[in-house]
Protein backbone atom coordinates (compact mmCIF):
# COMPACT_ATOMS: atom_id res chain seq x y z
CA MET A 1 6.97 -10.19 11.70
CA LEU A 2 8.54 -20.43 4.01
CA GLY A 3 7.74 -24.81 2.48
CA ARG A 4 9.22 -25.34 -0.94
CA LEU A 5 6.34 -26.06 -4.17
CA PRO A 6 6.91 -29.54 -5.79
CA PHE A 7 9.51 -29.78 -7.75
CA PRO A 8 8.13 -29.46 -11.95
CA PRO A 9 7.63 -33.25 -13.38
CA GLY A 10 10.45 -34.09 -15.51
CA LEU A 11 10.98 -33.97 -19.23
CA ARG A 12 8.47 -35.15 -21.44
CA ARG A 13 9.82 -38.14 -23.54
CA PRO A 14 11.09 -37.47 -27.03
CA VAL A 15 9.21 -38.98 -29.68
CA VAL A 16 11.01 -40.68 -32.57
CA ILE A 17 8.64 -41.91 -35.37
CA LEU A 18 11.07 -44.36 -36.92
CA PRO A 19 9.65 -44.55 -40.73
CA LEU A 20 10.00 -40.66 -40.73
CA LEU A 21 13.15 -40.70 -39.60
CA LEU A 22 14.80 -43.37 -42.05
CA ALA A 23 12.98 -41.05 -45.08
CA LEU A 24 14.62 -37.84 -43.49
CA LEU A 25 18.08 -39.80 -43.80
CA ALA A 26 17.25 -40.93 -47.44
CA ALA A 27 16.77 -37.23 -48.58
CA GLY A 28 19.97 -36.36 -46.85
CA VAL A 29 18.42 -34.33 -44.08
CA LEU A 30 19.02 -34.93 -40.27
CA PHE A 31 16.09 -33.91 -38.23
CA ILE A 32 16.05 -35.00 -34.55
CA THR A 33 13.22 -33.74 -32.07
CA LEU A 34 14.32 -33.32 -28.48
CA GLY A 35 12.16 -33.43 -25.82
CA THR A 36 10.43 -30.45 -24.25
CA ASN A 37 9.55 -29.30 -20.58
CA GLY A 38 6.26 -30.31 -19.61
CA PRO A 39 3.91 -27.97 -17.49
CA SER A 40 5.17 -27.61 -14.00
CA ASP A 41 1.21 -28.91 -13.05
CA GLY A 42 -1.52 -27.94 -15.40
CA LYS A 43 -3.15 -26.10 -12.83
CA LYS A 44 -2.86 -21.83 -13.23
CA ASP A 45 -4.24 -18.95 -11.38
CA GLN A 46 -6.66 -17.69 -14.01
CA GLY A 47 -6.49 -14.23 -14.55
CA ALA A 48 -2.96 -14.09 -12.83
CA SER A 49 0.14 -12.37 -14.67
CA GLN A 50 2.89 -12.55 -12.09
CA ARG A 51 6.02 -10.84 -12.23
CA HIS A 52 7.75 -13.84 -9.92
CA LYS A 53 6.53 -16.73 -8.30
CA ASP A 54 4.68 -16.06 -4.73
CA ASN A 55 6.72 -19.12 -3.13
CA ASP A 56 7.02 -19.43 0.47
CA GLU A 57 10.49 -18.89 0.95
CA GLY A 58 9.98 -15.05 0.61
CA ALA A 59 12.63 -15.15 -2.49
CA SER A 60 12.53 -11.84 -4.73
CA GLN A 61 14.00 -12.02 -8.07
CA ARG A 62 14.74 -9.36 -10.55
CA PRO A 63 12.40 -9.09 -13.22
CA GLU A 64 15.26 -9.73 -15.64
CA ASP A 65 16.05 -13.24 -13.98
CA LYS A 66 12.60 -14.13 -14.46
CA ASP A 67 10.67 -12.08 -17.27
CA LYS A 68 13.42 -12.99 -20.12
CA ARG A 69 11.69 -13.09 -23.61
CA SER A 70 13.34 -15.13 -26.68
CA LYS A 71 14.46 -12.81 -29.38
CA ASP A 72 11.81 -12.69 -32.21
CA LYS A 73 13.28 -13.41 -35.28
CA ASP A 74 11.42 -10.94 -36.98
CA LYS A 75 13.28 -8.04 -35.10
CA GLY A 76 10.46 -5.48 -36.71
CA LYS A 77 8.25 -6.66 -34.31
CA ASP A 78 7.51 -4.61 -30.98
CA LYS A 79 7.71 -6.87 -27.50
CA PRO A 80 4.96 -7.53 -25.75
CA ALA A 81 3.93 -5.11 -23.25
CA PRO A 82 4.70 -5.46 -19.47
CA LYS A 83 1.61 -7.24 -18.06
CA LEU A 84 0.41 -6.07 -14.36
CA PRO A 85 1.03 -8.47 -11.42
CA GLY A 86 -2.75 -9.78 -11.98
CA PRO A 87 -4.83 -10.87 -9.00
CA GLY A 88 -2.97 -13.04 -6.38
CA ARG A 89 0.17 -12.02 -5.27
CA ALA A 90 3.88 -11.62 -6.17
CA LEU A 91 6.69 -10.38 -3.73
CA LEU A 92 7.25 -6.43 -4.05
CA GLN A 93 10.68 -6.86 -2.77
CA LYS A 94 13.14 -9.08 -1.01
CA GLY A 95 13.24 -9.28 2.79
CA SER A 96 10.61 -8.26 5.10
CA ALA A 97 8.75 -4.70 5.23
CA MET A 98 6.12 -3.18 6.57
CA TYR A 99 3.06 -0.22 6.25
CA PRO A 100 3.29 0.12 2.58
CA ARG A 101 2.50 3.42 0.95
CA ALA A 102 1.87 3.12 -3.11
CA ILE A 103 1.59 6.65 -4.92
CA ARG A 104 1.52 7.37 -8.91
CA LEU A 105 3.53 10.13 -9.83
CA GLU A 106 1.06 13.02 -11.44
CA HIS A 107 3.03 16.25 -10.98
CA ASN A 108 6.62 15.38 -12.49
CA GLY A 109 6.14 16.19 -15.93
CA ARG A 110 8.15 13.22 -18.16
CA ASP A 111 7.96 10.95 -15.40
CA ASN A 112 4.28 10.93 -14.69
CA GLY A 113 3.12 7.35 -14.45
CA ARG A 114 5.82 5.88 -12.12
CA VAL A 115 4.70 3.99 -9.29
CA LEU A 116 6.42 4.21 -6.05
CA VAL A 117 5.82 2.42 -2.94
CA SER A 118 7.65 3.09 0.42
CA THR A 119 8.08 0.50 3.26
CA VAL A 120 9.52 0.44 6.21
CA THR A 121 12.46 -2.27 6.58
CA HIS A 122 14.88 -3.04 9.43
CA PRO A 123 17.91 -4.80 7.70
CA GLY A 124 21.05 -5.34 10.26
CA GLY A 125 18.27 -3.82 12.98
CA ASP A 126 18.30 -0.21 11.85
CA ALA A 127 14.94 1.14 10.62
CA LEU A 128 15.07 2.36 7.24
CA GLY A 129 12.68 3.73 4.57
CA ASP A 130 12.48 2.40 1.46
CA PHE A 131 11.35 3.06 -1.95
CA GLN A 132 10.56 0.73 -4.62
CA GLU A 133 9.75 2.00 -8.60
CA SER A 134 7.58 0.79 -11.34
CA THR A 135 8.05 2.31 -14.83
CA ASP A 136 5.60 -0.15 -16.43
CA ASP A 137 2.22 0.70 -13.99
CA GLY A 138 3.33 -2.08 -11.34
CA ALA A 139 4.50 -4.61 -13.27
CA ARG A 140 7.96 -4.94 -12.02
CA PHE A 141 9.79 -2.90 -9.23
CA HIS A 142 13.36 -2.03 -8.19
CA ARG A 143 14.83 -0.09 -5.61
CA ALA A 144 14.68 3.58 -5.98
CA GLY A 145 16.40 4.74 -3.17
CA THR A 146 16.28 4.25 0.89
CA LEU A 147 16.50 6.55 3.30
CA ALA A 148 18.33 6.00 6.96
CA ASP A 149 18.27 8.86 9.42
CA PRO A 150 20.31 8.72 13.25
CA LYS A 151 17.13 9.25 15.20
CA ALA A 152 15.94 5.71 13.86
CA ALA A 153 19.55 3.84 14.08
CA LYS A 154 20.46 1.78 16.69
CA GLY A 155 16.76 0.33 17.66
CA ARG A 156 15.69 3.69 18.45
CA GLY A 157 12.22 3.05 16.49
CA LEU A 158 10.80 3.97 13.11
CA CYS A 159 6.92 3.55 12.28
CA CYS A 160 3.93 3.75 10.17
CA ALA A 161 5.80 6.24 7.53
CA THR A 162 3.59 8.12 4.63
CA LEU A 163 4.62 8.97 1.43
CA TYR A 164 3.02 12.05 -0.83
CA GLU A 165 3.52 14.04 -3.91
CA LEU A 166 3.02 17.95 -3.51
CA PRO A 167 0.41 18.73 -6.06
CA GLN A 168 1.42 22.21 -5.81
CA ARG A 169 4.13 24.50 -4.79
CA ILE A 170 4.69 24.47 -0.78
CA GLY A 171 6.89 27.29 0.22
CA ASP A 172 10.38 26.58 -1.89
CA MET A 173 9.26 22.87 -2.57
CA PRO A 174 7.89 23.16 -6.28
CA ALA A 175 4.67 20.18 -7.12
CA GLY A 176 6.15 16.96 -7.84
CA THR A 177 8.27 17.08 -4.98
CA LEU A 178 8.08 13.69 -3.06
CA LEU A 179 7.53 13.83 0.97
CA TRP A 180 8.02 11.19 3.14
CA ALA A 181 7.32 11.18 6.81
CA ALA A 182 7.49 8.90 9.98
CA SER A 183 7.12 8.61 13.67
CA PHE A 184 10.79 8.38 15.28
CA GLY A 185 11.89 6.93 18.37
CA GLN A 186 9.21 5.29 19.95
CA ASP A 187 11.77 1.90 20.94
CA GLU A 188 13.82 4.55 23.14
CA LYS A 189 13.97 4.57 26.84
CA ASP A 190 11.98 7.74 28.54
CA ARG A 191 11.02 7.80 24.29
CA ARG A 192 10.38 11.49 23.25
CA MET A 193 8.32 10.69 19.82
CA SER A 194 8.51 12.79 16.83
CA VAL A 195 6.84 13.18 13.25
CA ARG A 196 9.69 14.14 11.20
CA VAL A 197 9.51 15.06 7.33
CA PHE A 198 11.87 14.46 4.55
CA LYS A 199 11.97 15.79 1.04
CA SER A 200 13.21 14.34 -2.57
CA THR A 201 13.34 16.00 -5.69
CA ASP A 202 14.94 12.82 -7.49
CA LEU A 203 11.91 10.66 -7.55
CA ALA A 204 13.01 9.03 -4.09
CA ARG A 205 16.56 8.33 -5.27
CA SER A 206 17.93 10.91 -2.44
CA TRP A 207 16.26 12.62 0.80
CA SER A 208 16.92 15.58 2.82
CA TYR A 209 15.62 16.56 6.27
CA VAL A 210 12.77 19.05 5.89
CA SER A 211 11.29 19.84 9.25
CA THR A 212 9.65 18.41 12.64
CA VAL A 213 5.77 18.56 12.80
CA ALA A 214 5.82 17.48 16.62
CA THR A 215 7.76 16.38 19.70
CA ALA A 216 6.18 14.56 22.31
CA SER A 217 6.31 16.22 25.48
CA GLY A 218 6.38 13.22 27.43
CA THR A 219 5.97 9.41 26.30
CA GLY A 220 2.86 9.46 24.73
CA GLY A 221 3.17 8.42 21.31
CA LEU A 222 2.97 10.41 17.70
CA TRP A 223 1.53 7.92 15.11
CA GLU A 224 1.09 7.57 11.74
CA PRO A 225 1.46 11.05 9.97
CA GLU A 226 -0.52 11.53 6.58
CA PHE A 227 -0.28 14.49 4.48
CA SER A 228 -2.79 16.74 2.53
CA VAL A 229 -3.23 20.16 0.99
CA ASP A 230 -6.53 22.16 2.33
CA ALA A 231 -8.46 24.29 0.26
CA ASP A 232 -6.33 27.36 1.25
CA GLY A 233 -3.05 25.89 -0.17
CA ASN A 234 -1.59 24.70 3.36
CA LEU A 235 0.31 21.46 3.62
CA VAL A 236 -1.84 19.45 6.44
CA CYS A 237 -0.53 17.04 8.58
CA HIS A 238 -2.71 14.75 10.51
CA TYR A 239 -1.47 12.49 13.10
CA SER A 240 -2.49 10.04 15.71
CA ASP A 241 -1.87 11.46 19.38
CA GLU A 242 -1.23 10.28 22.79
CA THR A 243 0.33 13.01 24.72
CA ASP A 244 -2.93 14.45 25.68
CA PRO A 245 -3.93 13.22 29.35
CA ALA A 246 -7.62 13.65 28.77
CA HIS A 247 -7.65 11.08 26.14
CA SER A 248 -5.79 7.99 25.64
CA GLN A 249 -5.44 8.66 22.01
CA LYS A 250 -6.94 11.39 19.50
CA LEU A 251 -6.49 12.26 15.87
CA VAL A 252 -5.09 15.84 15.10
CA ALA A 253 -4.05 18.30 12.44
CA ALA A 254 -0.94 20.48 11.96
CA ARG A 255 -0.42 23.01 9.03
CA SER A 256 2.30 24.77 7.37
CA GLU A 257 2.60 27.42 4.31
CA ASP A 258 6.26 26.07 3.76
CA GLY A 259 6.33 22.63 5.06
CA VAL A 260 9.02 24.06 7.76
CA SER A 261 7.25 25.94 10.30
CA TRP A 262 4.24 24.08 11.58
CA SER A 263 0.91 25.58 13.40
CA ARG A 264 -0.17 24.33 16.90
CA PRO A 265 -2.22 20.87 16.59
CA ARG A 266 -6.03 20.86 16.37
CA ASP A 267 -8.16 18.17 17.13
CA THR A 268 -9.61 16.39 14.59
CA VAL A 269 -11.44 13.06 16.18
CA ALA A 270 -11.32 13.00 20.29
CA GLY A 271 -13.46 11.23 21.43
CA THR A 272 -15.37 12.06 25.18
CA PRO A 273 -14.68 8.50 27.08
CA HIS A 274 -10.86 8.52 27.81
CA ALA A 275 -10.59 5.03 26.75
CA ASP A 276 -11.58 5.64 23.19
CA ARG A 277 -8.60 5.66 20.47
CA PRO A 278 -9.42 7.18 17.27
CA GLY A 279 -6.27 6.65 14.98
CA MET A 280 -4.58 5.77 11.48
CA SER A 281 -6.15 8.25 9.58
CA VAL A 282 -6.00 8.49 5.77
CA VAL A 283 -7.75 11.76 3.53
CA ARG A 284 -8.48 12.11 0.33
CA ARG A 285 -9.63 15.29 -1.98
CA LEU A 286 -12.97 14.79 -3.49
CA PRO A 287 -13.60 16.22 -7.13
CA GLY A 288 -16.31 18.65 -5.75
CA GLY A 289 -13.27 20.02 -3.18
CA SER A 290 -14.44 18.58 -0.11
CA TYR A 291 -12.47 15.74 1.80
CA LEU A 292 -13.14 12.09 3.14
CA MET A 293 -11.19 10.78 5.96
CA THR A 294 -11.49 7.26 7.21
CA TYR A 295 -9.57 5.88 10.60
CA GLU A 296 -10.32 3.30 13.24
CA ILE A 297 -11.95 3.90 16.43
CA CYS A 298 -10.72 1.39 19.19
CA ALA A 299 -12.16 0.73 22.53
CA PRO A 300 -11.00 -0.96 25.49
CA ALA A 301 -13.63 -4.20 24.23
CA GLY A 302 -16.97 -4.87 22.37
CA GLN A 303 -17.95 -5.67 19.03
CA PHE A 304 -16.95 -2.72 17.10
CA ASP A 305 -13.53 -2.28 19.05
CA CYS A 306 -10.84 -0.54 16.05
CA VAL A 307 -13.79 -0.43 13.86
CA THR A 308 -13.63 1.72 10.87
CA HIS A 309 -15.21 5.47 10.63
CA TYR A 310 -15.18 8.01 8.13
CA ARG A 311 -15.95 11.92 8.31
CA THR A 312 -15.85 14.71 5.99
CA SER A 313 -14.74 18.50 5.78
CA SER A 314 -15.60 21.26 3.15
CA ASP A 315 -12.05 22.49 3.02
CA GLY A 316 -9.50 19.66 4.31
CA TRP A 317 -8.81 22.09 7.77
CA ASN A 318 -12.09 22.27 9.50
CA TRP A 319 -13.82 18.67 10.23
CA GLY A 320 -16.49 19.49 12.68
CA ASP A 321 -16.80 18.81 16.37
CA PRO A 322 -13.90 15.96 17.39
CA THR A 323 -16.07 14.52 19.41
CA HIS A 324 -18.63 13.38 16.86
CA LEU A 325 -17.01 9.93 15.82
CA GLY A 326 -17.88 9.69 12.71
CA PHE A 327 -20.09 7.14 10.37
CA ARG A 328 -19.24 3.40 9.97
CA PRO A 329 -19.26 2.42 6.22
CA GLU A 330 -20.70 -0.65 5.85
CA THR A 331 -21.94 -3.41 3.24
CA ALA A 332 -25.77 -3.71 2.27
CA ASP A 333 -25.65 -6.73 4.47
CA GLY A 334 -24.15 -4.86 7.61
CA GLU A 335 -20.22 -6.18 7.19
CA TYR A 336 -17.73 -3.70 8.42
CA PHE A 337 -14.06 -3.35 8.73
CA LYS A 338 -11.86 -3.29 11.97
CA HIS A 339 -8.34 -2.05 12.10
CA ALA A 340 -6.18 -0.28 9.92
CA PRO A 341 -8.36 1.04 7.56
CA THR A 342 -6.97 2.80 4.13
CA LEU A 343 -8.56 4.58 1.48
CA ALA A 344 -8.51 5.78 -2.19
CA TRP A 345 -10.27 7.65 -4.91
CA ALA A 346 -10.31 6.87 -8.84
CA PRO A 347 -12.29 8.65 -11.60
CA GLU A 348 -15.54 6.50 -13.11
CA LYS A 349 -16.98 6.78 -16.47
CA GLY A 350 -20.47 9.13 -16.21
CA ASN A 351 -20.13 9.67 -12.57
CA PRO A 352 -18.73 13.09 -11.34
CA GLN A 353 -18.41 11.96 -7.66
CA GLY A 354 -15.72 9.29 -9.13
CA LYS A 355 -15.45 5.85 -7.09
CA LEU A 356 -13.92 5.23 -3.61
CA PHE A 357 -11.76 2.37 -2.61
CA LEU A 358 -11.62 0.84 1.18
CA VAL A 359 -9.85 -1.52 2.71
CA GLY A 360 -9.56 -2.74 6.28
CA GLN A 361 -7.47 -5.71 8.19
CA ALA A 362 -10.30 -7.75 8.75
CA MET A 363 -13.95 -7.86 7.73
CA TYR A 364 -16.49 -8.61 10.19
CA ARG A 365 -20.36 -9.74 9.65
CA ALA A 366 -23.47 -7.78 11.24
CA ASP A 367 -23.51 -10.36 14.37
CA GLY A 368 -19.84 -9.38 15.09
CA SER A 369 -18.35 -12.93 13.54
CA ARG A 370 -15.55 -12.98 11.27
CA ALA A 371 -16.50 -12.88 7.57
CA PRO A 372 -15.39 -15.70 5.51
CA ASP A 373 -13.89 -13.70 2.81
CA SER A 374 -12.28 -11.27 5.38
CA GLY A 375 -8.53 -10.91 3.72
CA ARG A 376 -9.75 -11.16 0.36
CA VAL A 377 -12.23 -8.02 -0.35
CA ILE A 378 -12.17 -4.88 -1.02
CA TRP A 379 -14.88 -2.35 -1.22
CA THR A 380 -16.09 0.46 -3.41
CA ASN A 381 -18.78 3.48 -3.38
CA SER A 382 -19.93 5.50 -6.18
CA LYS A 383 -21.62 7.92 -3.88
CA GLY A 384 -18.90 10.06 -2.05
CA GLY A 385 -18.98 7.32 1.02
CA GLN A 386 -22.50 7.71 1.61
CA GLY A 387 -24.83 4.53 1.21
CA PRO A 388 -23.96 0.90 0.97
CA TRP A 389 -20.22 -0.06 0.02
CA ARG A 390 -20.43 -2.89 -2.40
CA LYS A 391 -17.40 -5.80 -1.96
CA ILE A 392 -15.36 -6.70 -5.04
CA PRO A 393 -12.10 -9.58 -5.08
CA ALA A 394 -9.29 -8.08 -3.38
CA PRO A 395 -6.02 -7.62 -6.13
CA VAL A 396 -3.90 -9.23 -2.96
CA SER A 397 -5.41 -12.26 -0.99
CA VAL A 398 -3.99 -12.26 2.56
CA LYS A 399 -3.84 -15.95 3.85
CA THR A 400 -2.61 -15.05 7.74
CA THR A 401 -6.02 -14.83 9.77
CA LYS A 402 -4.55 -14.13 13.07
CA LEU A 403 -4.58 -10.34 13.62
CA GLY A 404 -1.25 -8.51 14.32
CA PRO A 405 0.69 -5.70 13.02
CA CYS A 406 1.45 -7.50 9.93
CA PRO A 407 -1.18 -9.03 7.83
CA ASN A 408 -3.08 -7.14 5.61
CA TYR A 409 -2.37 -4.23 7.81
CA SER A 410 -2.55 -0.88 6.78
CA SER A 411 -2.58 -1.79 3.17
CA SER A 412 -2.23 0.43 0.14
CA LEU A 413 -4.78 0.90 -2.77
CA LEU A 414 -3.73 2.88 -6.11
CA PRO A 415 -6.11 2.86 -8.62
CA SER A 416 -5.23 3.30 -11.86
CA SER A 417 -5.55 7.00 -13.54
CA ASP A 418 -8.60 6.01 -15.48
CA GLY A 419 -10.33 3.89 -12.75
CA SER A 420 -10.40 0.69 -14.84
CA GLN A 421 -7.87 -1.18 -12.60
CA VAL A 422 -6.62 -1.12 -9.02
CA LEU A 423 -3.39 -2.18 -7.50
CA GLU A 424 -2.69 -3.12 -3.78
CA VAL A 425 0.32 -3.36 -1.88
CA ALA A 426 -0.12 -5.68 1.56
CA THR A 427 1.82 -7.85 3.89
CA ASP A 428 1.16 -11.30 5.26
CA THR A 429 2.86 -13.30 7.65
CA VAL A 430 4.93 -15.97 6.30
CA GLY A 431 7.77 -17.91 8.27
CA GLY A 432 7.71 -15.62 10.89
CA GLN A 433 8.77 -12.54 8.61
CA CYS A 434 6.19 -9.90 7.33
CA MET A 435 6.34 -9.98 3.30
CA PRO A 436 5.15 -7.40 1.50
CA TYR A 437 2.91 -8.34 -1.91
CA VAL A 438 1.82 -6.96 -4.77
CA GLY A 439 -0.99 -7.30 -7.24
CA ALA A 440 -3.52 -5.73 -9.32
CA ARG A 441 -7.13 -6.37 -10.78
CA VAL A 442 -9.18 -4.92 -13.51
CA LEU A 443 -12.67 -3.64 -12.41
């Protein structure tokens, strides 16, 4: 919140040709050919290039244990470049983890191009922020660091974190500073949840507390922080707010000039029916300077409970009438996503608008039935979100179909800098654990 693979077949029998052996012995040369290992089963996942097997035990081995190469006799030859995980899935890290967020560094000089992935883990019962790093575009990952905060220790609760690289200076934090924020305290008795912000200036090796965006006045929750920088250069934190008696939940945003002092929150999406629950916002800035936000809107019941919506802003701060619930993205056949959507943007050759990528936990047909390829596709759109979206195979195929807080829940999409491929980090329930997987696909 795993069975073993069949043991590979044995060794192929050595082949010994008697006349040839006798001839070699007569010539004074002893040449013995030993048997070689046969293929495990002759079946390979076409196009997949995994750094380690996706076995059902949740084992995670270091790249050096799985990716050793024979030394080339010609030392002048370069070693082959690392390959991306490929379509399919490979374990990101050992042990259970939730709520992945992936970024590629763009404002860190010589370290640009590194891929960082944050998750929330619970080793020994204490919740931590965990940070995995790849220096070969997602082919292999290793732990860069962890973040432990007393506010999340001893079962107090830590949820739904976000990871962000500052694209410009904010206060005394230069461009390239990493920010991490999460919801704290959801499991405390008579809780007062908060959204707390931390920073790192050494590529996630160490972290220090920066500020608290908001603290609940009652037991209502504050969930799912998301960062952006608005057109005026302010740091904006979007989050889900359960503290307003007039709404079961709403989306709000607060902003800061320095990342330390925050404005009062303003409503972004707040449905007229009290029972509406907009949440889980993700924001991306588009090439023309506008912003696009995706989110879910849950309701007590109905076909479109927790369906994905989107809306736009010209400046990243003013999103229009909060009671306007936005628009529902769909395919040409009327299919739609429900639950925990996330969004990404990438450049597209010949298209100044670029390309958007969207994924949700589950996909449904126009008639409300579950789509058979749910969990195995993501969507793209080359018109700034307008018009129908197009399905493409997901880099990570999520096998669990039962909905819950793990399988395909708030998966993270990370296109390459040229838009030619997309990496995905998604979680799936395996043997009672929530396991994080990574995969990539050439577009």
